[in-house]
Amino acid sequence: MPNRERPRERLMSAGAAHLTAEELLAILLRSGNKDLSALGLARELLKAADHRLDRLSRTEVMELLEISGIGLAKATTVVAAFELGRRCRDSSAEKTKRINSSAAAYTCMEPLLGHLDHEEFWVLFLNNAHGVLSRVRISSGGYTGTLVDVRIILKKALLSKAVGMILVHNHPSGTLKPSQADIALTQKIVKAAKAIDITVLDHLIVTEKAYFSFADKHLL
């Protein structure tokens, strides 16, 4: 294709924001093979992910290697690029000084949980002014659940000198509806925390694009 229409040249002239996802991926891939150009390989990557970048961002190296024309160098470059994007969002989230809404809590925690293909349970520990003391992973499980020990949460809360806390876990399935187990666990933690004068301010169920807040729905 003419030089001016090639992804690198278009990025230089028009800026990255004006390139398609296919063109940006082609720049990461750098080159094609005997059958496909870099743009053609980028098109195959997107096709394998049903043309969804969020799905492609969760793809592991070994899965990418199954795509014809994608070798180790190309696969690791793509995975590394998406991981840098997540870390950039997380770096911005860490600047959140106070959690004064469910939206602020989601912004703080989504980069850690939203993209995962397995379930994890975290707690956001806060001081008296709702300032962030720490973000702590309590457990990591499988595709449909993870075990949570309330005693560990209380121990971490005391060590953090927390006054309040926000419970957070992800649903890899993408559904935001809390299960009966989610509701029962929340009530158990609220009761246990209250006994040591720590307030559970919210419980968020997180996906990559949205969240469910127990506090907003008056379920605490």
C-alpha atoms as a PDB file:
ATOM      1  CA  MET A   1       0.000   0.000   0.000  1.00  0.00           C
ATOM      2  CA  PRO A   2       1.165   3.607  -0.433  1.00  0.00           C
ATOM      3  CA  ASN A   3       3.485   4.778   2.334  1.00  0.00           C
ATOM      4  CA  ARG A   4       1.029   7.411   3.561  1.00  0.00           C
ATOM      5  CA  GLU A   5      -1.596   4.698   4.204  1.00  0.00           C
ATOM      6  CA  ARG A   6       0.658   2.420   6.249  1.00  0.00           C
ATOM      7  CA  PRO A   7      -0.133   2.278   9.988  1.00  0.00           C
ATOM      8  CA  ARG A   8       3.181   3.721  11.180  1.00  0.00           C
ATOM      9  CA  GLU A   9       3.021   6.602   8.760  1.00  0.00           C
ATOM     10  CA  ARG A  10      -0.631   7.274   9.608  1.00  0.00           C
ATOM     11  CA  LEU A  11       0.229   7.337  13.299  1.00  0.00           C
ATOM     12  CA  MET A  12       2.938   9.901  12.614  1.00  0.00           C
ATOM     13  CA  SER A  13       0.719  12.107  10.494  1.00  0.00           C
ATOM     14  CA  ALA A  14      -2.700  11.736  12.119  1.00  0.00           C
ATOM     15  CA  GLY A  15      -1.929  10.604  15.677  1.00  0.00           C
ATOM     16  CA  ALA A  16      -2.598   7.300  17.424  1.00  0.00           C
ATOM     17  CA  ALA A  17      -6.178   8.229  18.331  1.00  0.00           C
ATOM     18  CA  HIS A  18      -7.150   8.267  14.659  1.00  0.00           C
ATOM     19  CA  LEU A  19      -5.967   4.729  13.923  1.00  0.00           C
ATOM     20  CA  THR A  20      -8.255   1.709  14.001  1.00  0.00           C
ATOM     21  CA  ALA A  21      -7.648  -1.130  16.450  1.00  0.00           C
ATOM     22  CA  GLU A  22      -6.503  -3.204  13.495  1.00  0.00           C
ATOM     23  CA  GLU A  23      -3.889  -0.603  12.545  1.00  0.00           C
ATOM     24  CA  LEU A  24      -2.611  -0.250  16.105  1.00  0.00           C
ATOM     25  CA  LEU A  25      -2.239  -4.022  16.406  1.00  0.00           C
ATOM     26  CA  ALA A  26      -0.400  -4.102  13.089  1.00  0.00           C
ATOM     27  CA  ILE A  27       2.167  -1.656  14.488  1.00  0.00           C
ATOM     28  CA  LEU A  28       2.711  -3.955  17.477  1.00  0.00           C
ATOM     29  CA  LEU A  29       3.100  -6.984  15.212  1.00  0.00           C
ATOM     30  CA  ARG A  30       5.607  -5.026  13.063  1.00  0.00           C
ATOM     31  CA  SER A  31       5.536  -7.442  10.132  1.00  0.00           C
ATOM     32  CA  GLY A  32       3.453 -10.061   8.412  1.00  0.00           C
ATOM     33  CA  ASN A  33       4.394 -13.402   6.896  1.00  0.00           C
ATOM     34  CA  LYS A  34       4.412 -14.970   3.441  1.00  0.00           C
ATOM     35  CA  ASP A  35       0.612 -15.198   3.442  1.00  0.00           C
ATOM     36  CA  LEU A  36      -0.575 -12.110   5.291  1.00  0.00           C
ATOM     37  CA  SER A  37       0.553  -8.549   5.884  1.00  0.00           C
ATOM     38  CA  ALA A  38       0.821  -7.128   9.396  1.00  0.00           C
ATOM     39  CA  LEU A  39      -2.682  -5.719   8.903  1.00  0.00           C
ATOM     40  CA  GLY A  40      -3.889  -9.142   7.830  1.00  0.00           C
ATOM     41  CA  LEU A  41      -2.445 -10.755  10.962  1.00  0.00           C
ATOM     42  CA  ALA A  42      -4.002  -8.022  13.091  1.00  0.00           C
ATOM     43  CA  ARG A  43      -7.327  -8.807  11.444  1.00  0.00           C
ATOM     44  CA  GLU A  44      -6.902 -12.490  12.361  1.00  0.00           C
ATOM     45  CA  LEU A  45      -6.154 -11.569  15.998  1.00  0.00           C
ATOM     46  CA  LEU A  46      -9.334  -9.532  16.234  1.00  0.00           C
ATOM     47  CA  LYS A  47     -11.341 -12.245  14.515  1.00  0.00           C
ATOM     48  CA  ALA A  48     -10.120 -14.820  17.060  1.00  0.00           C
ATOM     49  CA  ALA A  49     -11.394 -12.526  19.831  1.00  0.00           C
ATOM     50  CA  ASP A  50     -14.770 -11.960  18.121  1.00  0.00           C
ATOM     51  CA  HIS A  51     -13.567  -8.439  17.260  1.00  0.00           C
ATOM     52  CA  ARG A  52     -13.625  -7.504  20.960  1.00  0.00           C
ATOM     53  CA  LEU A  53     -10.542  -5.775  22.342  1.00  0.00           C
ATOM     54  CA  ASP A  54     -11.576  -6.531  25.926  1.00  0.00           C
ATOM     55  CA  ARG A  55     -11.529 -10.233  25.102  1.00  0.00           C
ATOM     56  CA  LEU A  56      -8.219  -9.975  23.261  1.00  0.00           C
ATOM     57  CA  SER A  57      -6.730  -8.137  26.248  1.00  0.00           C
ATOM     58  CA  ARG A  58      -7.369 -11.206  28.412  1.00  0.00           C
ATOM     59  CA  THR A  59      -5.816 -13.670  25.981  1.00  0.00           C
ATOM     60  CA  GLU A  60      -2.731 -15.508  27.201  1.00  0.00           C
ATOM     61  CA  VAL A  61       0.459 -16.039  25.196  1.00  0.00           C
ATOM     62  CA  MET A  62      -0.224 -19.742  24.608  1.00  0.00           C
ATOM     63  CA  GLU A  63      -3.662 -18.940  23.177  1.00  0.00           C
ATOM     64  CA  LEU A  64      -2.200 -16.376  20.777  1.00  0.00           C
ATOM     65  CA  LEU A  65       0.374 -18.890  19.586  1.00  0.00           C
ATOM     66  CA  GLU A  66      -2.454 -21.067  18.305  1.00  0.00           C
ATOM     67  CA  ILE A  67      -3.280 -18.395  15.699  1.00  0.00           C
ATOM     68  CA  SER A  68      -1.571 -19.038  12.395  1.00  0.00           C
ATOM     69  CA  GLY A  69       1.215 -16.533  11.769  1.00  0.00           C
ATOM     70  CA  ILE A  70       1.591 -15.476  15.403  1.00  0.00           C
ATOM     71  CA  GLY A  71       4.921 -16.495  16.891  1.00  0.00           C
ATOM     72  CA  LEU A  72       6.364 -15.981  20.357  1.00  0.00           C
ATOM     73  CA  ALA A  73       7.710 -12.476  19.675  1.00  0.00           C
ATOM     74  CA  LYS A  74       4.383 -11.205  18.348  1.00  0.00           C
ATOM     75  CA  ALA A  75       2.329 -12.938  21.056  1.00  0.00           C
ATOM     76  CA  THR A  76       4.413 -11.585  23.930  1.00  0.00           C
ATOM     77  CA  THR A  77       4.394  -8.076  22.444  1.00  0.00           C
ATOM     78  CA  VAL A  78       0.587  -8.021  22.302  1.00  0.00           C
ATOM     79  CA  VAL A  79       0.204  -9.367  25.850  1.00  0.00           C
ATOM     80  CA  ALA A  80       2.778  -6.880  27.164  1.00  0.00           C
ATOM     81  CA  ALA A  81       1.009  -3.952  25.471  1.00  0.00           C
ATOM     82  CA  PHE A  82      -2.339  -4.763  27.087  1.00  0.00           C
ATOM     83  CA  GLU A  83      -0.663  -5.245  30.471  1.00  0.00           C
ATOM     84  CA  LEU A  84       0.958  -1.810  30.201  1.00  0.00           C
ATOM     85  CA  GLY A  85      -2.477  -0.339  29.513  1.00  0.00           C
ATOM     86  CA  ARG A  86      -3.880  -1.963  32.645  1.00  0.00           C
ATOM     87  CA  ARG A  87      -0.962  -0.737  34.739  1.00  0.00           C
ATOM     88  CA  CYS A  88      -1.454   2.776  33.405  1.00  0.00           C
ATOM     89  CA  ARG A  89      -5.095   2.706  34.548  1.00  0.00           C
ATOM     90  CA  ASP A  90      -4.055   1.282  37.894  1.00  0.00           C
ATOM     91  CA  SER A  91      -1.443   4.010  38.337  1.00  0.00           C
ATOM     92  CA  SER A  92      -4.154   6.611  37.819  1.00  0.00           C
ATOM     93  CA  ALA A  93      -6.480   4.773  40.194  1.00  0.00           C
ATOM     94  CA  GLU A  94      -3.846   4.804  42.949  1.00  0.00           C
ATOM     95  CA  LYS A  95      -4.001   8.604  42.959  1.00  0.00           C
ATOM     96  CA  THR A  96      -7.546   8.415  44.330  1.00  0.00           C
ATOM     97  CA  LYS A  97      -7.145   9.893  47.804  1.00  0.00           C
ATOM     98  CA  ARG A  98     -10.685   9.551  49.084  1.00  0.00           C
ATOM     99  CA  ILE A  99     -13.437   7.096  48.318  1.00  0.00           C
ATOM    100  CA  ASN A 100     -16.639   9.087  48.574  1.00  0.00           C
ATOM    101  CA  SER A 101     -18.829   7.070  46.207  1.00  0.00           C
ATOM    102  CA  SER A 102     -19.244   3.635  44.693  1.00  0.00           C
ATOM    103  CA  ALA A 103     -17.970   5.060  41.395  1.00  0.00           C
ATOM    104  CA  ALA A 104     -14.724   6.168  43.051  1.00  0.00           C
ATOM    105  CA  ALA A 105     -14.281   2.720  44.587  1.00  0.00           C
ATOM    106  CA  TYR A 106     -14.857   1.113  41.180  1.00  0.00           C
ATOM    107  CA  THR A 107     -12.286   3.401  39.547  1.00  0.00           C
ATOM    108  CA  CYS A 108      -9.796   2.428  42.233  1.00  0.00           C
ATOM    109  CA  MET A 109     -10.351  -1.330  41.963  1.00  0.00           C
ATOM    110  CA  GLU A 110     -11.382  -2.141  38.372  1.00  0.00           C
ATOM    111  CA  PRO A 111      -7.815  -2.154  36.962  1.00  0.00           C
ATOM    112  CA  LEU A 112      -6.934  -4.922  39.427  1.00  0.00           C
ATOM    113  CA  LEU A 113      -9.986  -7.113  38.866  1.00  0.00           C
ATOM    114  CA  GLY A 114     -11.969  -6.230  35.773  1.00  0.00           C
ATOM    115  CA  HIS A 115      -9.909  -8.202  33.252  1.00  0.00           C
ATOM    116  CA  LEU A 116      -9.431 -11.416  35.248  1.00  0.00           C
ATOM    117  CA  ASP A 117     -10.809 -14.750  34.044  1.00  0.00           C
ATOM    118  CA  HIS A 118     -11.011 -16.100  37.594  1.00  0.00           C
ATOM    119  CA  GLU A 119     -12.663 -14.732  40.720  1.00  0.00           C
ATOM    120  CA  GLU A 120     -10.748 -12.773  43.363  1.00  0.00           C
ATOM    121  CA  PHE A 121     -11.864 -11.100  46.590  1.00  0.00           C
ATOM    122  CA  TRP A 122     -10.227  -7.853  47.701  1.00  0.00           C
ATOM    123  CA  VAL A 123     -10.781  -5.339  50.475  1.00  0.00           C
ATOM    124  CA  LEU A 124     -10.194  -1.615  50.272  1.00  0.00           C
ATOM    125  CA  PHE A 125      -9.225  -0.365  53.745  1.00  0.00           C
ATOM    126  CA  LEU A 126     -10.030   3.254  54.605  1.00  0.00           C
ATOM    127  CA  ASN A 127      -9.246   5.733  57.361  1.00  0.00           C
ATOM    128  CA  ASN A 128     -11.720   7.988  59.166  1.00  0.00           C
ATOM    129  CA  ALA A 129     -11.742  10.476  56.270  1.00  0.00           C
ATOM    130  CA  HIS A 130     -12.382   7.685  53.740  1.00  0.00           C
ATOM    131  CA  GLY A 131      -8.787   7.952  52.571  1.00  0.00           C
ATOM    132  CA  VAL A 132      -7.229   4.831  51.087  1.00  0.00           C
ATOM    133  CA  LEU A 133      -4.921   2.990  53.456  1.00  0.00           C
ATOM    134  CA  SER A 134      -4.394  -0.139  51.361  1.00  0.00           C
ATOM    135  CA  ARG A 135      -5.863  -2.489  48.781  1.00  0.00           C
ATOM    136  CA  VAL A 136      -5.512  -6.110  49.870  1.00  0.00           C
ATOM    137  CA  ARG A 137      -6.273  -9.337  48.025  1.00  0.00           C
ATOM    138  CA  ILE A 138      -7.916 -11.767  50.430  1.00  0.00           C
ATOM    139  CA  SER A 139      -8.375 -14.774  48.171  1.00  0.00           C
ATOM    140  CA  SER A 140      -8.128 -16.014  44.599  1.00  0.00           C
ATOM    141  CA  GLY A 141     -10.314 -18.782  43.250  1.00  0.00           C
ATOM    142  CA  GLY A 142     -11.750 -20.332  40.126  1.00  0.00           C
ATOM    143  CA  TYR A 143     -14.138 -19.290  37.390  1.00  0.00           C
ATOM    144  CA  THR A 144     -17.240 -19.299  39.580  1.00  0.00           C
ATOM    145  CA  GLY A 145     -16.129 -18.454  43.097  1.00  0.00           C
ATOM    146  CA  THR A 146     -13.461 -18.043  45.747  1.00  0.00           C
ATOM    147  CA  LEU A 147     -13.364 -18.915  49.433  1.00  0.00           C
ATOM    148  CA  VAL A 148     -13.203 -16.010  51.869  1.00  0.00           C
ATOM    149  CA  ASP A 149     -12.092 -16.309  55.494  1.00  0.00           C
ATOM    150  CA  VAL A 150     -13.667 -13.506  57.532  1.00  0.00           C
ATOM    151  CA  ARG A 151     -10.959 -13.804  60.181  1.00  0.00           C
ATOM    152  CA  ILE A 152      -8.284 -12.873  57.634  1.00  0.00           C
ATOM    153  CA  ILE A 153     -10.253  -9.761  56.650  1.00  0.00           C
ATOM    154  CA  LEU A 154     -10.553  -8.655  60.271  1.00  0.00           C
ATOM    155  CA  LYS A 155      -6.856  -9.297  60.924  1.00  0.00           C
ATOM    156  CA  LYS A 156      -5.859  -7.226  57.876  1.00  0.00           C
ATOM    157  CA  ALA A 157      -8.252  -4.459  58.936  1.00  0.00           C
ATOM    158  CA  LEU A 158      -6.690  -4.238  62.399  1.00  0.00           C
ATOM    159  CA  LEU A 159      -3.160  -4.276  60.993  1.00  0.00           C
ATOM    160  CA  SER A 160      -4.120  -1.458  58.595  1.00  0.00           C
ATOM    161  CA  LYS A 161      -5.684   0.519  61.449  1.00  0.00           C
ATOM    162  CA  ALA A 162      -8.755   0.829  59.254  1.00  0.00           C
ATOM    163  CA  VAL A 163     -11.961   2.541  60.338  1.00  0.00           C
ATOM    164  CA  GLY A 164     -13.933   1.516  57.268  1.00  0.00           C
ATOM    165  CA  MET A 165     -13.642  -0.956  54.444  1.00  0.00           C
ATOM    166  CA  ILE A 166     -15.129  -1.730  51.057  1.00  0.00           C
ATOM    167  CA  LEU A 167     -15.439  -5.334  49.926  1.00  0.00           C
ATOM    168  CA  VAL A 168     -14.742  -5.994  46.247  1.00  0.00           C
ATOM    169  CA  HIS A 169     -14.902  -9.087  44.089  1.00  0.00           C
ATOM    170  CA  ASN A 170     -15.194  -9.712  40.375  1.00  0.00           C
ATOM    171  CA  HIS A 171     -17.552 -11.843  38.309  1.00  0.00           C
ATOM    172  CA  PRO A 172     -15.623 -13.226  35.300  1.00  0.00           C
ATOM    173  CA  SER A 173     -18.941 -14.232  33.724  1.00  0.00           C
ATOM    174  CA  GLY A 174     -19.823 -10.562  33.326  1.00  0.00           C
ATOM    175  CA  THR A 175     -23.065 -10.782  35.317  1.00  0.00           C
ATOM    176  CA  LEU A 176     -23.581  -8.120  37.966  1.00  0.00           C
ATOM    177  CA  LYS A 177     -26.336  -9.847  39.926  1.00  0.00           C
ATOM    178  CA  PRO A 178     -25.193 -10.861  43.437  1.00  0.00           C
ATOM    179  CA  SER A 179     -25.688 -14.499  44.359  1.00  0.00           C
ATOM    180  CA  GLN A 180     -27.247 -15.621  47.611  1.00  0.00           C
ATOM    181  CA  ALA A 181     -23.749 -16.628  48.697  1.00  0.00           C
ATOM    182  CA  ASP A 182     -22.531 -13.058  47.981  1.00  0.00           C
ATOM    183  CA  ILE A 183     -25.351 -11.607  50.087  1.00  0.00           C
ATOM    184  CA  ALA A 184     -24.816 -14.041  52.961  1.00  0.00           C
ATOM    185  CA  LEU A 185     -21.054 -13.414  53.008  1.00  0.00           C
ATOM    186  CA  THR A 186     -21.581  -9.658  53.020  1.00  0.00           C
ATOM    187  CA  GLN A 187     -23.933  -9.839  55.977  1.00  0.00           C
ATOM    188  CA  LYS A 188     -21.477 -12.080  57.834  1.00  0.00           C
ATOM    189  CA  ILE A 189     -18.589  -9.656  57.300  1.00  0.00           C
ATOM    190  CA  VAL A 190     -20.711  -6.606  58.218  1.00  0.00           C
ATOM    191  CA  LYS A 191     -21.685  -8.244  61.506  1.00  0.00           C
ATOM    192  CA  ALA A 192     -18.145  -9.366  62.340  1.00  0.00           C
ATOM    193  CA  ALA A 193     -16.608  -5.974  61.495  1.00  0.00           C
ATOM    194  CA  LYS A 194     -19.180  -4.138  63.572  1.00  0.00           C
ATOM    195  CA  ALA A 195     -18.032  -6.078  66.630  1.00  0.00           C
ATOM    196  CA  ILE A 196     -14.606  -4.409  66.389  1.00  0.00           C
ATOM    197  CA  ASP A 197     -15.978  -0.954  65.425  1.00  0.00           C
ATOM    198  CA  ILE A 198     -15.125  -1.136  61.738  1.00  0.00           C
ATOM    199  CA  THR A 199     -17.775  -0.174  59.196  1.00  0.00           C
ATOM    200  CA  VAL A 200     -18.330  -2.010  55.942  1.00  0.00           C
ATOM    201  CA  LEU A 201     -19.204   0.880  53.636  1.00  0.00           C
ATOM    202  CA  ASP A 202     -19.940  -1.092  50.499  1.00  0.00           C
ATOM    203  CA  HIS A 203     -19.485  -4.323  48.597  1.00  0.00           C
ATOM    204  CA  LEU A 204     -18.802  -4.035  44.876  1.00  0.00           C
ATOM    205  CA  ILE A 205     -19.190  -6.696  42.231  1.00  0.00           C
ATOM    206  CA  VAL A 206     -16.852  -5.675  39.431  1.00  0.00           C
ATOM    207  CA  THR A 207     -16.620  -6.431  35.733  1.00  0.00           C
ATOM    208  CA  GLU A 208     -14.450  -4.707  33.164  1.00  0.00           C
ATOM    209  CA  LYS A 209     -17.214  -2.338  32.089  1.00  0.00           C
ATOM    210  CA  ALA A 210     -19.595  -1.951  35.033  1.00  0.00           C
ATOM    211  CA  TYR A 211     -20.203  -2.672  38.695  1.00  0.00           C
ATOM    212  CA  PHE A 212     -22.900  -3.468  41.244  1.00  0.00           C
ATOM    213  CA  SER A 213     -22.930  -1.639  44.584  1.00  0.00           C
ATOM    214  CA  PHE A 214     -24.584  -3.188  47.649  1.00  0.00           C
ATOM    215  CA  ALA A 215     -24.698   0.255  49.278  1.00  0.00           C
ATOM    216  CA  ASP A 216     -26.353   1.910  46.290  1.00  0.00           C
ATOM    217  CA  LYS A 217     -29.003  -0.826  46.269  1.00  0.00           C
ATOM    218  CA  HIS A 218     -29.483  -0.605  50.065  1.00  0.00           C
ATOM    219  CA  LEU A 219     -28.343  -4.191  50.622  1.00  0.00           C
ATOM    220  CA  LEU A 220     -26.035  -3.494  53.548  1.00  0.00           C
END
